[in-house]
Amino acid sequence: MTYAGWLQPNSCGEKPEDWRKVKVIDRLFRANLTIKPPHPVPGLLAKIKEPKKPKQIAAAPVDKLTGEQVKQGREKLSWNRKELGGFLDLSADYIGKLERGDREITLELETRLRKLLHL
């Protein structure tokens, strides 16, 4: 089957009587069209090399948050341990343990503390 003239864009040709029996897209698929790119495209594709890999940017090392920094940040905002614990859903006793260094500050908690205390 070939590409029917009445299917061409801006065609004024008459459609056959049975044109509704087969979907237009199916007729186009059966036509087995081969699309050849214009002349400069294959030459341009041949010139393309592997894309350059972006350089890895090393993140600036961030010092680990200490209990003393938490205490100073809390006092700078004039908060007591209970207020800070309320924002973080932690007890005032746990905040005290963090400040004294009895408890380790997790990465998730460190992120929240830095944001909350503007450290």
N, C-alpha and C. Protein backbone atom coordinates (compact mmCIF):
# COMPACT_ATOMS: atom_id res chain seq x y z
N MET A 1 0.85 -1.18 0.00
CA MET A 1 0.00 0.00 0.00
C MET A 1 0.90 1.24 0.00
N THR A 2 0.53 2.22 -0.71
CA THR A 2 1.29 3.47 -0.76
C THR A 2 0.53 4.57 -0.05
N TYR A 3 1.19 5.65 0.09
CA TYR A 3 0.62 6.82 0.77
C TYR A 3 -0.40 7.46 -0.16
N ALA A 4 -1.66 7.41 0.23
CA ALA A 4 -2.74 7.92 -0.62
C ALA A 4 -2.66 9.43 -0.74
N GLY A 5 -2.94 9.94 -1.93
CA GLY A 5 -2.86 11.37 -2.19
C GLY A 5 -3.85 12.16 -1.35
N TRP A 6 -5.02 11.62 -1.08
CA TRP A 6 -6.01 12.36 -0.31
C TRP A 6 -5.62 12.51 1.16
N LEU A 7 -4.62 11.72 1.62
CA LEU A 7 -4.14 11.82 3.00
C LEU A 7 -3.08 12.91 3.17
N GLN A 8 -2.56 13.40 2.08
CA GLN A 8 -1.51 14.41 2.16
C GLN A 8 -2.08 15.72 2.70
N PRO A 9 -1.28 16.46 3.47
CA PRO A 9 -1.75 17.74 4.01
C PRO A 9 -2.16 18.69 2.89
N ASN A 10 -3.20 19.45 3.13
CA ASN A 10 -3.74 20.45 2.20
C ASN A 10 -4.18 19.85 0.87
N SER A 11 -4.53 18.58 0.89
CA SER A 11 -4.98 17.93 -0.34
C SER A 11 -6.45 18.25 -0.59
N CYS A 12 -6.78 18.49 -1.84
CA CYS A 12 -8.17 18.75 -2.22
C CYS A 12 -8.78 17.53 -2.90
N GLY A 13 -8.04 16.43 -2.93
CA GLY A 13 -8.52 15.22 -3.59
C GLY A 13 -9.71 14.63 -2.85
N GLU A 14 -10.55 13.90 -3.60
CA GLU A 14 -11.74 13.28 -3.00
C GLU A 14 -11.35 12.06 -2.19
N LYS A 15 -12.05 11.86 -1.10
CA LYS A 15 -11.81 10.70 -0.27
C LYS A 15 -12.59 9.52 -0.84
N PRO A 16 -12.07 8.32 -0.76
CA PRO A 16 -12.83 7.16 -1.24
C PRO A 16 -14.05 6.92 -0.37
N GLU A 17 -15.02 6.18 -0.90
CA GLU A 17 -16.27 5.95 -0.17
C GLU A 17 -16.03 5.17 1.13
N ASP A 18 -15.08 4.27 1.13
CA ASP A 18 -14.84 3.44 2.31
C ASP A 18 -13.78 4.01 3.26
N TRP A 19 -13.52 5.30 3.19
CA TRP A 19 -12.43 5.88 3.98
C TRP A 19 -12.67 5.81 5.47
N ARG A 20 -13.95 5.66 5.89
CA ARG A 20 -14.25 5.59 7.33
C ARG A 20 -14.12 4.18 7.88
N LYS A 21 -14.02 3.18 7.04
CA LYS A 21 -13.95 1.79 7.51
C LYS A 21 -12.60 1.49 8.17
N VAL A 22 -11.55 2.15 7.72
CA VAL A 22 -10.21 1.95 8.29
C VAL A 22 -9.74 3.30 8.84
N LYS A 23 -9.21 3.26 10.04
CA LYS A 23 -8.73 4.51 10.64
C LYS A 23 -7.59 5.08 9.81
N VAL A 24 -7.54 6.40 9.76
CA VAL A 24 -6.53 7.09 8.97
C VAL A 24 -5.13 6.72 9.47
N ILE A 25 -4.95 6.64 10.77
CA ILE A 25 -3.63 6.33 11.31
C ILE A 25 -3.20 4.93 10.91
N ASP A 26 -4.17 3.99 10.84
CA ASP A 26 -3.84 2.63 10.40
C ASP A 26 -3.41 2.62 8.94
N ARG A 27 -4.05 3.44 8.13
CA ARG A 27 -3.65 3.54 6.71
C ARG A 27 -2.21 4.06 6.61
N LEU A 28 -1.88 5.04 7.45
CA LEU A 28 -0.53 5.59 7.42
C LEU A 28 0.50 4.56 7.88
N PHE A 29 0.15 3.76 8.89
CA PHE A 29 1.07 2.73 9.36
C PHE A 29 1.31 1.67 8.29
N ARG A 30 0.25 1.30 7.56
CA ARG A 30 0.38 0.28 6.52
C ARG A 30 1.13 0.79 5.30
N ALA A 31 1.26 2.09 5.16
CA ALA A 31 1.92 2.64 3.98
C ALA A 31 3.43 2.40 4.01
N ASN A 32 3.99 2.02 5.17
CA ASN A 32 5.43 1.75 5.30
C ASN A 32 6.28 2.89 4.76
N LEU A 33 6.06 4.06 5.27
CA LEU A 33 6.81 5.23 4.83
C LEU A 33 8.21 5.22 5.42
N THR A 34 9.16 5.67 4.66
CA THR A 34 10.53 5.83 5.14
C THR A 34 10.85 7.32 5.08
N ILE A 35 11.21 7.87 6.20
CA ILE A 35 11.52 9.30 6.25
C ILE A 35 13.03 9.43 6.28
N LYS A 36 13.57 10.10 5.30
CA LYS A 36 15.01 10.32 5.23
C LYS A 36 15.30 11.74 5.70
N PRO A 37 16.26 11.90 6.60
CA PRO A 37 16.58 13.25 7.08
C PRO A 37 17.24 14.07 5.98
N PRO A 38 17.11 15.38 6.04
CA PRO A 38 17.76 16.22 5.04
C PRO A 38 19.28 16.06 5.08
N HIS A 39 19.93 16.51 4.04
CA HIS A 39 21.36 16.28 3.82
C HIS A 39 22.27 16.65 5.01
N PRO A 40 22.14 17.80 5.65
CA PRO A 40 23.13 18.15 6.68
C PRO A 40 23.00 17.34 7.98
N VAL A 41 21.86 16.72 8.24
CA VAL A 41 21.65 16.06 9.52
C VAL A 41 22.62 14.90 9.75
N PRO A 42 22.82 13.95 8.81
CA PRO A 42 23.77 12.87 9.09
C PRO A 42 25.18 13.38 9.37
N GLY A 43 25.61 14.42 8.66
CA GLY A 43 26.93 14.98 8.90
C GLY A 43 27.05 15.59 10.29
N LEU A 44 25.99 16.26 10.73
CA LEU A 44 26.00 16.86 12.07
C LEU A 44 26.01 15.78 13.15
N LEU A 45 25.24 14.71 12.92
CA LEU A 45 25.22 13.63 13.90
C LEU A 45 26.58 12.95 14.02
N ALA A 46 27.30 12.87 12.91
CA ALA A 46 28.62 12.24 12.94
C ALA A 46 29.62 13.08 13.74
N LYS A 47 29.42 14.39 13.79
CA LYS A 47 30.34 15.28 14.51
C LYS A 47 30.14 15.23 16.03
N ILE A 48 28.98 14.80 16.45
CA ILE A 48 28.67 14.80 17.88
C ILE A 48 29.53 13.76 18.59
N LYS A 49 30.16 14.18 19.66
CA LYS A 49 30.98 13.28 20.47
C LYS A 49 30.24 13.02 21.77
N GLU A 50 30.89 12.28 22.62
CA GLU A 50 30.33 12.02 23.94
C GLU A 50 30.14 13.35 24.67
N PRO A 51 29.01 13.55 25.33
CA PRO A 51 28.84 14.81 26.07
C PRO A 51 29.83 14.88 27.23
N LYS A 52 30.27 16.08 27.51
CA LYS A 52 31.23 16.29 28.60
C LYS A 52 30.53 16.05 29.93
N LYS A 53 31.24 15.37 30.81
CA LYS A 53 30.69 15.11 32.13
C LYS A 53 30.94 16.33 33.00
N PRO A 54 29.93 16.78 33.74
CA PRO A 54 30.13 17.95 34.61
C PRO A 54 31.09 17.59 35.75
N LYS A 55 31.87 18.58 36.15
CA LYS A 55 32.80 18.38 37.25
C LYS A 55 32.03 18.26 38.55
N GLN A 56 32.48 17.36 39.38
CA GLN A 56 31.86 17.19 40.68
C GLN A 56 32.28 18.32 41.61
N ILE A 57 31.31 18.96 42.19
CA ILE A 57 31.58 20.04 43.13
C ILE A 57 31.52 19.45 44.54
N ALA A 58 32.60 19.56 45.23
CA ALA A 58 32.66 19.02 46.59
C ALA A 58 31.91 19.96 47.53
N ALA A 59 31.06 19.36 48.35
CA ALA A 59 30.32 20.16 49.33
C ALA A 59 31.29 20.64 50.40
N ALA A 60 31.06 21.85 50.84
CA ALA A 60 31.91 22.41 51.89
C ALA A 60 31.70 21.61 53.18
N PRO A 61 32.76 21.19 53.82
CA PRO A 61 32.59 20.41 55.04
C PRO A 61 31.94 21.25 56.14
N VAL A 62 30.92 20.70 56.74
CA VAL A 62 30.19 21.40 57.79
C VAL A 62 30.62 20.80 59.13
N ASP A 63 31.00 21.65 60.06
CA ASP A 63 31.39 21.17 61.38
C ASP A 63 30.18 20.56 62.07
N LYS A 64 30.45 19.50 62.80
CA LYS A 64 29.39 18.83 63.53
C LYS A 64 28.88 19.74 64.65
N LEU A 65 27.58 19.75 64.82
CA LEU A 65 26.94 20.60 65.82
C LEU A 65 27.24 20.05 67.22
N THR A 66 27.63 20.92 68.11
CA THR A 66 27.94 20.51 69.49
C THR A 66 26.84 20.97 70.43
N GLY A 67 26.85 20.38 71.61
CA GLY A 67 25.87 20.76 72.62
C GLY A 67 26.03 22.20 73.05
N GLU A 68 27.27 22.66 73.10
CA GLU A 68 27.54 24.05 73.49
C GLU A 68 26.93 25.02 72.48
N GLN A 69 27.03 24.68 71.18
CA GLN A 69 26.44 25.53 70.15
C GLN A 69 24.91 25.57 70.27
N VAL A 70 24.32 24.42 70.60
CA VAL A 70 22.87 24.36 70.79
C VAL A 70 22.47 25.25 71.95
N LYS A 71 23.22 25.17 73.04
CA LYS A 71 22.91 25.98 74.22
C LYS A 71 23.04 27.47 73.92
N GLN A 72 24.12 27.85 73.22
CA GLN A 72 24.32 29.27 72.88
C GLN A 72 23.21 29.76 71.95
N GLY A 73 22.84 28.95 70.97
CA GLY A 73 21.77 29.34 70.05
C GLY A 73 20.44 29.49 70.76
N ARG A 74 20.17 28.58 71.69
CA ARG A 74 18.92 28.64 72.47
C ARG A 74 18.90 29.88 73.35
N GLU A 75 20.00 30.17 74.00
CA GLU A 75 20.06 31.34 74.88
C GLU A 75 20.02 32.65 74.10
N LYS A 76 20.57 32.63 72.89
CA LYS A 76 20.54 33.83 72.05
C LYS A 76 19.09 34.20 71.69
N LEU A 77 18.24 33.18 71.54
CA LEU A 77 16.83 33.43 71.23
C LEU A 77 15.99 33.58 72.50
N SER A 78 16.64 33.53 73.66
CA SER A 78 15.97 33.66 74.96
C SER A 78 14.92 32.57 75.16
N TRP A 79 15.24 31.36 74.76
CA TRP A 79 14.34 30.22 74.95
C TRP A 79 14.88 29.37 76.08
N ASN A 80 13.96 28.76 76.83
CA ASN A 80 14.41 27.77 77.79
C ASN A 80 14.37 26.39 77.11
N ARG A 81 14.83 25.38 77.83
CA ARG A 81 14.90 24.04 77.23
C ARG A 81 13.53 23.50 76.85
N LYS A 82 12.54 23.84 77.65
CA LYS A 82 11.18 23.35 77.39
C LYS A 82 10.63 23.94 76.10
N GLU A 83 10.90 25.22 75.84
CA GLU A 83 10.42 25.86 74.60
C GLU A 83 11.09 25.24 73.38
N LEU A 84 12.40 25.05 73.45
CA LEU A 84 13.11 24.44 72.33
C LEU A 84 12.62 23.02 72.10
N GLY A 85 12.45 22.28 73.19
CA GLY A 85 11.95 20.91 73.08
C GLY A 85 10.55 20.86 72.48
N GLY A 86 9.73 21.87 72.79
CA GLY A 86 8.38 21.92 72.23
C GLY A 86 8.39 22.06 70.72
N PHE A 87 9.32 22.85 70.19
CA PHE A 87 9.42 23.01 68.74
C PHE A 87 9.89 21.73 68.06
N LEU A 88 10.70 20.94 68.77
CA LEU A 88 11.29 19.74 68.18
C LEU A 88 10.59 18.46 68.60
N ASP A 89 9.53 18.56 69.38
CA ASP A 89 8.83 17.40 69.94
C ASP A 89 9.78 16.53 70.77
N LEU A 90 10.60 17.18 71.58
CA LEU A 90 11.53 16.51 72.48
C LEU A 90 11.31 17.04 73.89
N SER A 91 11.71 16.27 74.88
CA SER A 91 11.55 16.73 76.26
C SER A 91 12.67 17.70 76.62
N ALA A 92 12.40 18.52 77.64
CA ALA A 92 13.41 19.46 78.12
C ALA A 92 14.62 18.71 78.67
N ASP A 93 14.37 17.54 79.28
CA ASP A 93 15.46 16.71 79.80
C ASP A 93 16.37 16.24 78.66
N TYR A 94 15.79 15.85 77.54
CA TYR A 94 16.57 15.39 76.39
C TYR A 94 17.40 16.54 75.81
N ILE A 95 16.82 17.74 75.77
CA ILE A 95 17.57 18.91 75.29
C ILE A 95 18.78 19.15 76.20
N GLY A 96 18.58 19.00 77.51
CA GLY A 96 19.69 19.16 78.45
C GLY A 96 20.78 18.13 78.21
N LYS A 97 20.39 16.90 77.92
CA LYS A 97 21.37 15.85 77.65
C LYS A 97 22.14 16.14 76.36
N LEU A 98 21.44 16.70 75.37
CA LEU A 98 22.11 17.08 74.12
C LEU A 98 23.14 18.17 74.38
N GLU A 99 22.76 19.16 75.21
CA GLU A 99 23.65 20.28 75.49
C GLU A 99 24.87 19.85 76.29
N ARG A 100 24.69 18.90 77.19
CA ARG A 100 25.82 18.42 78.00
C ARG A 100 26.69 17.42 77.23
N GLY A 101 26.16 16.88 76.14
CA GLY A 101 26.92 15.89 75.37
C GLY A 101 26.64 14.46 75.80
N ASP A 102 25.63 14.27 76.64
CA ASP A 102 25.27 12.91 77.06
C ASP A 102 24.58 12.13 75.94
N ARG A 103 23.96 12.83 75.02
CA ARG A 103 23.28 12.21 73.87
C ARG A 103 23.89 12.72 72.58
N GLU A 104 23.96 11.83 71.59
CA GLU A 104 24.50 12.16 70.27
C GLU A 104 23.44 12.93 69.47
N ILE A 105 23.86 13.94 68.74
CA ILE A 105 22.94 14.71 67.88
C ILE A 105 22.91 14.02 66.52
N THR A 106 21.74 13.50 66.14
CA THR A 106 21.61 12.80 64.85
C THR A 106 21.62 13.81 63.71
N LEU A 107 21.86 13.30 62.49
CA LEU A 107 21.89 14.19 61.32
C LEU A 107 20.55 14.89 61.11
N GLU A 108 19.46 14.14 61.29
CA GLU A 108 18.13 14.74 61.12
C GLU A 108 17.89 15.83 62.15
N LEU A 109 18.23 15.54 63.40
CA LEU A 109 18.04 16.52 64.47
C LEU A 109 18.96 17.71 64.28
N GLU A 110 20.18 17.45 63.80
CA GLU A 110 21.12 18.55 63.57
C GLU A 110 20.57 19.52 62.53
N THR A 111 19.99 18.97 61.46
CA THR A 111 19.40 19.82 60.42
C THR A 111 18.29 20.68 61.00
N ARG A 112 17.43 20.06 61.79
CA ARG A 112 16.31 20.81 62.38
C ARG A 112 16.81 21.87 63.36
N LEU A 113 17.81 21.52 64.16
CA LEU A 113 18.36 22.48 65.13
C LEU A 113 19.02 23.67 64.43
N ARG A 114 19.79 23.39 63.39
CA ARG A 114 20.46 24.48 62.66
C ARG A 114 19.43 25.44 62.06
N LYS A 115 18.36 24.89 61.54
CA LYS A 115 17.33 25.73 60.92
C LYS A 115 16.59 26.54 61.99
N LEU A 116 16.25 25.89 63.08
CA LEU A 116 15.47 26.53 64.13
C LEU A 116 16.28 27.58 64.89
N LEU A 117 17.54 27.29 65.16
CA LEU A 117 18.38 28.20 65.96
C LEU A 117 19.22 29.13 65.09
N HIS A 118 19.07 29.04 63.78
CA HIS A 118 19.82 29.89 62.83
C HIS A 118 21.32 29.72 63.01
N LEU A 119 21.78 28.47 63.06
CA LEU A 119 23.21 28.19 63.24
C LEU A 119 23.86 27.88 61.90
